[in-house]
Amino acid sequence: MVTRVALTGLTSAASVVSLTLTGPGGGPPTPLEWGTAPLTVAALPRVTYVAHRGGAREVPENSMAGLMAAYRRGTAHVLDFDTRLLRDGTPVVFHDPTLDRTTYRDGEVGALDAAEWQGVRLRPRASLPGAWRPERPPTVAEVLDRLGGRIVLMLEAKDPRGLDRLAALIRDRGLTRSVFVNSNDPEVARRAHRLGLLAQLWRSARQMRTDRPERWRSYIDLLDVDIKARDADLVRAVRSGVPRVWAHTVLTPRQRDRALALGCDGVITDVPGRLARHPVRALRVSGGPGR
């Protein structure tokens, strides 16, 4: 099965890419798959859509059901998830340091071991569309085994102590060109690069005011910038020489259109389905052309 991705309207930095995802005969989208070999970042389109935590306003965040739903819907080219370490060193898919917000339990994630993790159940938010059952948060190995090589993945190493373990999981599956490893710390990103991984660095709007992103271009594959940043700061990131610059966390078509008009070549969004339904509109922005 192949998703048809029609990219139109790329004529200038202010007239950017429109994403249309349809299945055969114009029907519902089919999963993004490219042949039998592992899909790598080389297959990504000029403008990339990322489902943040699987699309956290459309599916239960960081859940296997949510990630699989986002994959099957075909409204994103990349699936993002967060990782933390259990007490025994097992990397699991989870955002917060505690269980309180998204599960039926409380306490520290790092206080549990793999056996105890089997009893954790996610608590789907009532505001999510559709019906979702409680389920155990997956391990990183389970997500890599289910989706690795079928779609590009992006994982954030919330606990840098686990970077070597994450690298081993990715290398053992032949996915070093298929998985971005994300951090807010340039030194962690540098370590990821030295481990042979695709290094991603995210920055807040406040950090971007004083950042000099050109310093990172020798070891950063993807710069992940805050959509709330000033136009000038976004343009400086785009012109840094880092190969890819994607904006987070995009929630509205207008935010997406601004990011693309300023030269970003991807958006990280909680609502990939919503953005796919709204064509890109050209915006005039103060930053001028992109790269």
C-alpha atoms as a PDB file:
ATOM      1  CA  MET A   1       0.000   0.000   0.000  1.00  0.00           C
ATOM      2  CA  VAL A   2       1.309   3.454  -0.869  1.00  0.00           C
ATOM      3  CA  THR A   3      -0.010   6.786   0.293  1.00  0.00           C
ATOM      4  CA  ARG A   4      -0.171   9.350  -2.449  1.00  0.00           C
ATOM      5  CA  VAL A   5       1.348  12.614  -1.307  1.00  0.00           C
ATOM      6  CA  ALA A   6       0.634  15.541  -3.606  1.00  0.00           C
ATOM      7  CA  LEU A   7       2.831  18.548  -2.908  1.00  0.00           C
ATOM      8  CA  THR A   8       1.761  21.700  -4.704  1.00  0.00           C
ATOM      9  CA  GLY A   9       2.195  25.436  -4.576  1.00  0.00           C
ATOM     10  CA  LEU A  10       5.961  25.581  -3.881  1.00  0.00           C
ATOM     11  CA  THR A  11       6.892  28.759  -5.685  1.00  0.00           C
ATOM     12  CA  SER A  12       8.486  30.889  -2.967  1.00  0.00           C
ATOM     13  CA  ALA A  13       9.021  31.048   0.767  1.00  0.00           C
ATOM     14  CA  ALA A  14       5.615  32.693   1.106  1.00  0.00           C
ATOM     15  CA  SER A  15       3.865  30.312  -1.294  1.00  0.00           C
ATOM     16  CA  VAL A  16       4.516  26.946   0.192  1.00  0.00           C
ATOM     17  CA  VAL A  17       3.634  23.310   0.153  1.00  0.00           C
ATOM     18  CA  SER A  18       0.132  21.888   0.403  1.00  0.00           C
ATOM     19  CA  LEU A  19      -0.213  18.349   1.713  1.00  0.00           C
ATOM     20  CA  THR A  20      -2.938  16.072   0.361  1.00  0.00           C
ATOM     21  CA  LEU A  21      -3.099  12.501   1.568  1.00  0.00           C
ATOM     22  CA  THR A  22      -5.522  10.137  -0.152  1.00  0.00           C
ATOM     23  CA  GLY A  23      -5.876   6.447  -0.743  1.00  0.00           C
ATOM     24  CA  PRO A  24      -6.586   4.640  -4.017  1.00  0.00           C
ATOM     25  CA  GLY A  25      -9.468   6.193  -5.911  1.00  0.00           C
ATOM     26  CA  GLY A  26      -9.433   9.253  -3.669  1.00  0.00           C
ATOM     27  CA  GLY A  27     -10.598   7.280  -0.623  1.00  0.00           C
ATOM     28  CA  PRO A  28      -9.258   7.329   2.936  1.00  0.00           C
ATOM     29  CA  PRO A  29      -5.480   7.532   3.414  1.00  0.00           C
ATOM     30  CA  THR A  30      -3.531   4.299   3.509  1.00  0.00           C
ATOM     31  CA  PRO A  31      -0.411   3.756   5.642  1.00  0.00           C
ATOM     32  CA  LEU A  32       2.850   5.321   4.554  1.00  0.00           C
ATOM     33  CA  GLU A  33       5.023   2.463   3.277  1.00  0.00           C
ATOM     34  CA  TRP A  34       7.902   2.433   0.784  1.00  0.00           C
ATOM     35  CA  GLY A  35       8.780  -1.084  -0.369  1.00  0.00           C
ATOM     36  CA  THR A  36      10.312  -3.754   1.828  1.00  0.00           C
ATOM     37  CA  ALA A  37      13.563  -2.066   2.946  1.00  0.00           C
ATOM     38  CA  PRO A  38      13.563   0.159   6.053  1.00  0.00           C
ATOM     39  CA  LEU A  39      12.170   3.581   5.280  1.00  0.00           C
ATOM     40  CA  THR A  40      14.785   6.270   5.927  1.00  0.00           C
ATOM     41  CA  VAL A  41      14.772  10.046   6.175  1.00  0.00           C
ATOM     42  CA  ALA A  42      15.882  10.201   2.550  1.00  0.00           C
ATOM     43  CA  ALA A  43      12.277   9.353   1.601  1.00  0.00           C
ATOM     44  CA  LEU A  44      10.750  12.326   3.450  1.00  0.00           C
ATOM     45  CA  PRO A  45       9.041  14.954   1.292  1.00  0.00           C
ATOM     46  CA  ARG A  46      10.110  18.570   0.943  1.00  0.00           C
ATOM     47  CA  VAL A  47       7.685  19.554   3.711  1.00  0.00           C
ATOM     48  CA  THR A  48       7.243  17.012   6.498  1.00  0.00           C
ATOM     49  CA  TYR A  49       4.348  16.554   8.907  1.00  0.00           C
ATOM     50  CA  VAL A  50       5.090  15.004  12.324  1.00  0.00           C
ATOM     51  CA  ALA A  51       2.450  13.559  14.673  1.00  0.00           C
ATOM     52  CA  HIS A  52       3.597  14.880  18.075  1.00  0.00           C
ATOM     53  CA  ARG A  53       3.205  12.089  20.667  1.00  0.00           C
ATOM     54  CA  GLY A  54       1.187  10.376  17.947  1.00  0.00           C
ATOM     55  CA  GLY A  55      -1.075  13.437  17.565  1.00  0.00           C
ATOM     56  CA  ALA A  56      -1.920  14.124  21.207  1.00  0.00           C
ATOM     57  CA  ARG A  57      -5.193  15.969  20.562  1.00  0.00           C
ATOM     58  CA  GLU A  58      -6.484  13.216  18.273  1.00  0.00           C
ATOM     59  CA  VAL A  59      -5.227  10.008  19.944  1.00  0.00           C
ATOM     60  CA  PRO A  60      -4.026   8.983  23.433  1.00  0.00           C
ATOM     61  CA  GLU A  61      -0.506  10.365  23.641  1.00  0.00           C
ATOM     62  CA  ASN A  62       2.455   7.992  23.607  1.00  0.00           C
ATOM     63  CA  SER A  63       0.221   4.908  23.305  1.00  0.00           C
ATOM     64  CA  MET A  64       0.640   2.028  20.907  1.00  0.00           C
ATOM     65  CA  ALA A  65      -2.988   2.367  19.827  1.00  0.00           C
ATOM     66  CA  GLY A  66      -2.461   6.073  19.172  1.00  0.00           C
ATOM     67  CA  LEU A  67       0.750   5.597  17.219  1.00  0.00           C
ATOM     68  CA  MET A  68      -0.818   2.829  15.135  1.00  0.00           C
ATOM     69  CA  ALA A  69      -3.908   4.951  14.455  1.00  0.00           C
ATOM     70  CA  ALA A  70      -1.728   7.864  13.318  1.00  0.00           C
ATOM     71  CA  TYR A  71       0.236   5.506  11.077  1.00  0.00           C
ATOM     72  CA  ARG A  72      -2.876   3.997   9.510  1.00  0.00           C
ATOM     73  CA  ARG A  73      -4.516   7.382   8.930  1.00  0.00           C
ATOM     74  CA  GLY A  74      -1.522   8.484   6.886  1.00  0.00           C
ATOM     75  CA  THR A  75      -1.764  12.164   7.822  1.00  0.00           C
ATOM     76  CA  ALA A  76       1.853  12.377   9.041  1.00  0.00           C
ATOM     77  CA  HIS A  77       5.198  11.293   7.615  1.00  0.00           C
ATOM     78  CA  VAL A  78       6.879  10.957  11.035  1.00  0.00           C
ATOM     79  CA  LEU A  79       5.620   9.651  14.375  1.00  0.00           C
ATOM     80  CA  ASP A  80       7.000  11.283  17.522  1.00  0.00           C
ATOM     81  CA  PHE A  81       7.104   9.782  21.019  1.00  0.00           C
ATOM     82  CA  ASP A  82       8.884  10.346  24.341  1.00  0.00           C
ATOM     83  CA  THR A  83      11.097   7.935  26.255  1.00  0.00           C
ATOM     84  CA  ARG A  84      12.030   7.426  29.896  1.00  0.00           C
ATOM     85  CA  LEU A  85      13.958   4.776  31.825  1.00  0.00           C
ATOM     86  CA  LEU A  86      12.558   2.336  34.349  1.00  0.00           C
ATOM     87  CA  ARG A  87      14.488   1.389  37.468  1.00  0.00           C
ATOM     88  CA  ASP A  88      16.058  -1.607  35.711  1.00  0.00           C
ATOM     89  CA  GLY A  89      17.121   0.463  32.687  1.00  0.00           C
ATOM     90  CA  THR A  90      14.246  -0.533  30.373  1.00  0.00           C
ATOM     91  CA  PRO A  91      13.376   2.360  28.001  1.00  0.00           C
ATOM     92  CA  VAL A  92       9.619   2.954  27.889  1.00  0.00           C
ATOM     93  CA  VAL A  93       7.388   5.319  25.940  1.00  0.00           C
ATOM     94  CA  PHE A  94       6.277   8.027  28.360  1.00  0.00           C
ATOM     95  CA  HIS A  95       6.484  11.820  28.638  1.00  0.00           C
ATOM     96  CA  ASP A  96       6.243  12.855  32.289  1.00  0.00           C
ATOM     97  CA  PRO A  97       8.605  11.841  35.107  1.00  0.00           C
ATOM     98  CA  THR A  98       5.530  10.738  37.076  1.00  0.00           C
ATOM     99  CA  LEU A  99       2.543   8.555  36.239  1.00  0.00           C
ATOM    100  CA  ASP A 100      -0.074  10.938  37.635  1.00  0.00           C
ATOM    101  CA  ARG A 101      -1.259  12.888  34.586  1.00  0.00           C
ATOM    102  CA  THR A 102      -1.829  10.152  32.009  1.00  0.00           C
ATOM    103  CA  THR A 103      -2.358   6.879  33.923  1.00  0.00           C
ATOM    104  CA  TYR A 104      -4.541   5.471  36.688  1.00  0.00           C
ATOM    105  CA  ARG A 105      -1.532   5.341  39.028  1.00  0.00           C
ATOM    106  CA  ASP A 106       0.777   7.854  40.639  1.00  0.00           C
ATOM    107  CA  GLY A 107       4.453   7.894  41.556  1.00  0.00           C
ATOM    108  CA  GLU A 108       7.739   8.083  39.690  1.00  0.00           C
ATOM    109  CA  VAL A 109       8.172   6.274  36.375  1.00  0.00           C
ATOM    110  CA  GLY A 110      11.762   5.500  37.334  1.00  0.00           C
ATOM    111  CA  ALA A 111      10.657   3.723  40.507  1.00  0.00           C
ATOM    112  CA  LEU A 112       9.145   0.819  38.528  1.00  0.00           C
ATOM    113  CA  ASP A 113      10.859  -2.120  36.864  1.00  0.00           C
ATOM    114  CA  ALA A 114       9.752  -3.939  33.705  1.00  0.00           C
ATOM    115  CA  ALA A 115       7.557  -6.409  35.599  1.00  0.00           C
ATOM    116  CA  GLU A 116       5.788  -3.637  37.502  1.00  0.00           C
ATOM    117  CA  TRP A 117       5.342  -1.671  34.256  1.00  0.00           C
ATOM    118  CA  GLN A 118       3.022  -4.429  33.037  1.00  0.00           C
ATOM    119  CA  GLY A 119       0.405  -3.208  35.514  1.00  0.00           C
ATOM    120  CA  VAL A 120       0.392   0.428  34.363  1.00  0.00           C
ATOM    121  CA  ARG A 121      -2.595   1.552  32.280  1.00  0.00           C
ATOM    122  CA  LEU A 122      -2.969   4.784  30.353  1.00  0.00           C
ATOM    123  CA  ARG A 123      -6.051   6.905  31.071  1.00  0.00           C
ATOM    124  CA  PRO A 124      -7.357   8.282  27.746  1.00  0.00           C
ATOM    125  CA  ARG A 125      -8.558  11.876  27.961  1.00  0.00           C
ATOM    126  CA  ALA A 126     -12.336  12.294  27.750  1.00  0.00           C
ATOM    127  CA  SER A 127     -11.883  15.119  25.230  1.00  0.00           C
ATOM    128  CA  LEU A 128     -10.307  12.855  22.596  1.00  0.00           C
ATOM    129  CA  PRO A 129     -12.443  12.010  19.570  1.00  0.00           C
ATOM    130  CA  GLY A 130     -13.503   8.364  19.341  1.00  0.00           C
ATOM    131  CA  ALA A 131     -13.432   5.585  21.910  1.00  0.00           C
ATOM    132  CA  TRP A 132     -10.139   4.414  23.436  1.00  0.00           C
ATOM    133  CA  ARG A 133      -9.475   1.615  25.887  1.00  0.00           C
ATOM    134  CA  PRO A 134      -6.947   1.816  28.716  1.00  0.00           C
ATOM    135  CA  GLU A 135      -3.706   0.098  27.699  1.00  0.00           C
ATOM    136  CA  ARG A 136      -0.201  -0.367  28.981  1.00  0.00           C
ATOM    137  CA  PRO A 137       2.304   2.219  27.718  1.00  0.00           C
ATOM    138  CA  PRO A 138       4.647   0.410  25.306  1.00  0.00           C
ATOM    139  CA  THR A 139       8.358  -0.088  25.662  1.00  0.00           C
ATOM    140  CA  VAL A 140      10.647   1.573  23.133  1.00  0.00           C
ATOM    141  CA  ALA A 141      11.602  -1.864  21.791  1.00  0.00           C
ATOM    142  CA  GLU A 142       7.941  -2.641  21.119  1.00  0.00           C
ATOM    143  CA  VAL A 143       7.426   0.552  19.107  1.00  0.00           C
ATOM    144  CA  LEU A 144      10.625   0.015  17.121  1.00  0.00           C
ATOM    145  CA  ASP A 145       9.598  -3.568  16.384  1.00  0.00           C
ATOM    146  CA  ARG A 146       6.078  -2.590  15.321  1.00  0.00           C
ATOM    147  CA  LEU A 147       6.768   0.597  13.354  1.00  0.00           C
ATOM    148  CA  GLY A 148      10.517   0.896  12.807  1.00  0.00           C
ATOM    149  CA  GLY A 149      11.349   1.023   9.114  1.00  0.00           C
ATOM    150  CA  ARG A 150       7.689   1.333   8.123  1.00  0.00           C
ATOM    151  CA  ILE A 151       7.597   5.057   8.889  1.00  0.00           C
ATOM    152  CA  VAL A 152      10.222   7.515  10.140  1.00  0.00           C
ATOM    153  CA  LEU A 153      10.193   7.823  13.922  1.00  0.00           C
ATOM    154  CA  MET A 154      11.251  10.586  16.293  1.00  0.00           C
ATOM    155  CA  LEU A 155      11.963   9.844  19.938  1.00  0.00           C
ATOM    156  CA  GLU A 156      12.930  12.224  22.689  1.00  0.00           C
ATOM    157  CA  ALA A 157      15.478  10.959  25.198  1.00  0.00           C
ATOM    158  CA  LYS A 158      13.947  12.441  28.350  1.00  0.00           C
ATOM    159  CA  ASP A 159      16.611  10.682  30.421  1.00  0.00           C
ATOM    160  CA  PRO A 160      20.035  11.107  28.756  1.00  0.00           C
ATOM    161  CA  ARG A 161      21.418   8.270  30.902  1.00  0.00           C
ATOM    162  CA  GLY A 162      19.566   5.925  28.582  1.00  0.00           C
ATOM    163  CA  LEU A 163      21.118   7.214  25.363  1.00  0.00           C
ATOM    164  CA  ASP A 164      23.509   4.282  24.945  1.00  0.00           C
ATOM    165  CA  ARG A 165      20.647   1.832  25.485  1.00  0.00           C
ATOM    166  CA  LEU A 166      18.460   3.651  22.952  1.00  0.00           C
ATOM    167  CA  ALA A 167      21.328   3.656  20.463  1.00  0.00           C
ATOM    168  CA  ALA A 168      21.735  -0.108  20.841  1.00  0.00           C
ATOM    169  CA  LEU A 169      18.009  -0.704  20.260  1.00  0.00           C
ATOM    170  CA  ILE A 170      18.094   1.437  17.120  1.00  0.00           C
ATOM    171  CA  ARG A 171      21.339  -0.035  15.749  1.00  0.00           C
ATOM    172  CA  ASP A 172      20.306  -3.644  16.396  1.00  0.00           C
ATOM    173  CA  ARG A 173      17.261  -3.111  14.177  1.00  0.00           C
ATOM    174  CA  GLY A 174      19.111  -1.345  11.354  1.00  0.00           C
ATOM    175  CA  LEU A 175      17.229   1.907  11.970  1.00  0.00           C
ATOM    176  CA  THR A 176      20.003   4.470  12.389  1.00  0.00           C
ATOM    177  CA  ARG A 177      18.753   6.401   9.317  1.00  0.00           C
ATOM    178  CA  SER A 178      15.100   5.949  10.243  1.00  0.00           C
ATOM    179  CA  VAL A 179      14.874   7.357  13.783  1.00  0.00           C
ATOM    180  CA  PHE A 180      15.593  10.900  14.983  1.00  0.00           C
ATOM    181  CA  VAL A 181      16.829  11.106  18.592  1.00  0.00           C
ATOM    182  CA  ASN A 182      15.735  14.350  20.211  1.00  0.00           C
ATOM    183  CA  SER A 183      16.963  16.403  23.179  1.00  0.00           C
ATOM    184  CA  ASN A 184      16.914  19.993  24.409  1.00  0.00           C
ATOM    185  CA  ASP A 185      20.608  19.738  25.328  1.00  0.00           C
ATOM    186  CA  PRO A 186      23.194  20.371  22.573  1.00  0.00           C
ATOM    187  CA  GLU A 187      25.678  18.098  24.357  1.00  0.00           C
ATOM    188  CA  VAL A 188      23.219  15.205  24.378  1.00  0.00           C
ATOM    189  CA  ALA A 189      22.615  15.818  20.677  1.00  0.00           C
ATOM    190  CA  ARG A 190      26.373  15.766  20.097  1.00  0.00           C
ATOM    191  CA  ARG A 191      26.584  12.421  21.920  1.00  0.00           C
ATOM    192  CA  ALA A 192      23.766  11.041  19.768  1.00  0.00           C
ATOM    193  CA  HIS A 193      25.670  12.097  16.657  1.00  0.00           C
ATOM    194  CA  ARG A 194      28.851  10.406  17.907  1.00  0.00           C
ATOM    195  CA  LEU A 195      26.838   7.231  18.470  1.00  0.00           C
ATOM    196  CA  GLY A 196      25.894   7.245  14.792  1.00  0.00           C
ATOM    197  CA  LEU A 197      22.310   8.383  15.339  1.00  0.00           C
ATOM    198  CA  LEU A 198      20.251  11.091  13.658  1.00  0.00           C
ATOM    199  CA  ALA A 199      20.602  13.954  16.146  1.00  0.00           C
ATOM    200  CA  GLN A 200      17.691  16.305  16.765  1.00  0.00           C
ATOM    201  CA  LEU A 201      17.771  19.386  18.996  1.00  0.00           C
ATOM    202  CA  TRP A 202      14.662  21.224  20.174  1.00  0.00           C
ATOM    203  CA  ARG A 203      14.710  24.785  21.413  1.00  0.00           C
ATOM    204  CA  SER A 204      12.176  26.983  23.184  1.00  0.00           C
ATOM    205  CA  ALA A 205      11.239  30.487  22.066  1.00  0.00           C
ATOM    206  CA  ARG A 206      13.186  31.887  25.013  1.00  0.00           C
ATOM    207  CA  GLN A 207      16.296  29.881  24.166  1.00  0.00           C
ATOM    208  CA  MET A 208      16.080  30.913  20.519  1.00  0.00           C
ATOM    209  CA  ARG A 209      16.491  34.593  21.418  1.00  0.00           C
ATOM    210  CA  THR A 210      20.186  34.010  22.226  1.00  0.00           C
ATOM    211  CA  ASP A 211      20.932  30.789  20.314  1.00  0.00           C
ATOM    212  CA  ARG A 212      23.556  30.700  17.595  1.00  0.00           C
ATOM    213  CA  PRO A 213      22.313  27.618  15.736  1.00  0.00           C
ATOM    214  CA  GLU A 214      25.062  27.723  13.110  1.00  0.00           C
ATOM    215  CA  ARG A 215      27.362  26.350  15.819  1.00  0.00           C
ATOM    216  CA  TRP A 216      25.446  23.066  15.740  1.00  0.00           C
ATOM    217  CA  ARG A 217      25.328  22.378  12.016  1.00  0.00           C
ATOM    218  CA  SER A 218      28.247  19.940  12.090  1.00  0.00           C
ATOM    219  CA  TYR A 219      26.383  17.452  14.270  1.00  0.00           C
ATOM    220  CA  ILE A 220      22.656  18.320  14.213  1.00  0.00           C
ATOM    221  CA  ASP A 221      20.479  16.660  11.567  1.00  0.00           C
ATOM    222  CA  LEU A 222      17.261  18.356  12.639  1.00  0.00           C
ATOM    223  CA  LEU A 223      16.636  21.604  14.497  1.00  0.00           C
ATOM    224  CA  ASP A 224      13.232  21.607  16.200  1.00  0.00           C
ATOM    225  CA  VAL A 225      12.142  25.219  16.829  1.00  0.00           C
ATOM    226  CA  ASP A 226       9.320  26.771  18.845  1.00  0.00           C
ATOM    227  CA  ILE A 227       6.467  28.159  16.746  1.00  0.00           C
ATOM    228  CA  LYS A 228       6.057  30.874  19.405  1.00  0.00           C
ATOM    229  CA  ALA A 229       9.493  32.316  18.583  1.00  0.00           C
ATOM    230  CA  ARG A 230       9.917  35.658  16.864  1.00  0.00           C
ATOM    231  CA  ASP A 231      10.073  35.744  13.066  1.00  0.00           C
ATOM    232  CA  ALA A 232      13.725  36.820  13.162  1.00  0.00           C
ATOM    233  CA  ASP A 233      14.681  33.918  15.420  1.00  0.00           C
ATOM    234  CA  LEU A 234      12.927  31.388  13.195  1.00  0.00           C
ATOM    235  CA  VAL A 235      14.630  32.788  10.110  1.00  0.00           C
ATOM    236  CA  ARG A 236      18.034  32.641  11.851  1.00  0.00           C
ATOM    237  CA  ALA A 237      17.423  28.955  12.551  1.00  0.00           C
ATOM    238  CA  VAL A 238      16.387  28.319   8.940  1.00  0.00           C
ATOM    239  CA  ARG A 239      19.565  30.009   7.668  1.00  0.00           C
ATOM    240  CA  SER A 240      21.865  28.213  10.141  1.00  0.00           C
ATOM    241  CA  GLY A 241      22.976  25.462   7.760  1.00  0.00           C
ATOM    242  CA  VAL A 242      21.280  22.696   9.769  1.00  0.00           C
ATOM    243  CA  PRO A 243      19.788  20.362   7.116  1.00  0.00           C
ATOM    244  CA  ARG A 244      16.205  20.349   8.458  1.00  0.00           C
ATOM    245  CA  VAL A 245      14.321  22.905  10.539  1.00  0.00           C
ATOM    246  CA  TRP A 246      10.865  21.887  11.804  1.00  0.00           C
ATOM    247  CA  ALA A 247       8.507  23.940  13.999  1.00  0.00           C
ATOM    248  CA  HIS A 248       6.766  22.726  17.180  1.00  0.00           C
ATOM    249  CA  THR A 249       4.091  22.468  18.496  1.00  0.00           C
ATOM    250  CA  VAL A 250       1.803  23.580  15.687  1.00  0.00           C
ATOM    251  CA  LEU A 251      -1.920  23.558  16.505  1.00  0.00           C
ATOM    252  CA  THR A 252      -3.564  25.677  13.814  1.00  0.00           C
ATOM    253  CA  PRO A 253      -3.341  25.989  10.027  1.00  0.00           C
ATOM    254  CA  ARG A 254      -2.220  29.607  10.441  1.00  0.00           C
ATOM    255  CA  GLN A 255       0.702  28.598  12.668  1.00  0.00           C
ATOM    256  CA  ARG A 256       1.721  26.010  10.073  1.00  0.00           C
ATOM    257  CA  ASP A 257       1.455  28.530   7.251  1.00  0.00           C
ATOM    258  CA  ARG A 258       3.639  31.026   9.131  1.00  0.00           C
ATOM    259  CA  ALA A 259       6.322  28.406   9.852  1.00  0.00           C
ATOM    260  CA  LEU A 260       6.455  27.331   6.222  1.00  0.00           C
ATOM    261  CA  ALA A 261       6.428  30.911   4.937  1.00  0.00           C
ATOM    262  CA  LEU A 262       9.459  31.662   7.123  1.00  0.00           C
ATOM    263  CA  GLY A 263      11.322  28.737   5.554  1.00  0.00           C
ATOM    264  CA  CYS A 264      10.754  25.812   7.928  1.00  0.00           C
ATOM    265  CA  ASP A 265      10.478  22.528   6.040  1.00  0.00           C
ATOM    266  CA  GLY A 266       8.354  20.632   8.556  1.00  0.00           C
ATOM    267  CA  VAL A 267       5.791  20.988  11.333  1.00  0.00           C
ATOM    268  CA  ILE A 268       5.361  18.976  14.516  1.00  0.00           C
ATOM    269  CA  THR A 269       1.695  18.933  15.449  1.00  0.00           C
ATOM    270  CA  ASP A 270      -0.806  17.529  17.939  1.00  0.00           C
ATOM    271  CA  VAL A 271      -3.472  17.670  15.205  1.00  0.00           C
ATOM    272  CA  PRO A 272      -2.073  16.118  11.998  1.00  0.00           C
ATOM    273  CA  GLY A 273      -5.560  15.204  10.808  1.00  0.00           C
ATOM    274  CA  ARG A 274      -6.792  18.751  11.159  1.00  0.00           C
ATOM    275  CA  LEU A 275      -3.834  20.223   9.289  1.00  0.00           C
ATOM    276  CA  ALA A 276      -4.200  17.686   6.471  1.00  0.00           C
ATOM    277  CA  ARG A 277      -7.761  18.894   5.926  1.00  0.00           C
ATOM    278  CA  HIS A 278      -6.719  22.546   5.515  1.00  0.00           C
ATOM    279  CA  PRO A 279      -4.642  23.537   2.468  1.00  0.00           C
ATOM    280  CA  VAL A 280      -1.672  25.825   2.986  1.00  0.00           C
ATOM    281  CA  ARG A 281      -2.344  29.517   2.473  1.00  0.00           C
ATOM    282  CA  ALA A 282       0.397  31.940   1.433  1.00  0.00           C
ATOM    283  CA  LEU A 283       1.313  34.429   4.163  1.00  0.00           C
ATOM    284  CA  ARG A 284       3.387  37.576   4.039  1.00  0.00           C
ATOM    285  CA  VAL A 285       5.832  37.561   6.906  1.00  0.00           C
ATOM    286  CA  SER A 286       8.545  39.919   8.096  1.00  0.00           C
ATOM    287  CA  GLY A 287      11.346  37.387   7.845  1.00  0.00           C
ATOM    288  CA  GLY A 288      11.423  37.242   4.081  1.00  0.00           C
ATOM    289  CA  PRO A 289      12.576  34.252   2.024  1.00  0.00           C
ATOM    290  CA  GLY A 290      13.857  31.105   3.716  1.00  0.00           C
ATOM    291  CA  ARG A 291      17.179  29.427   3.025  1.00  0.00           C
END
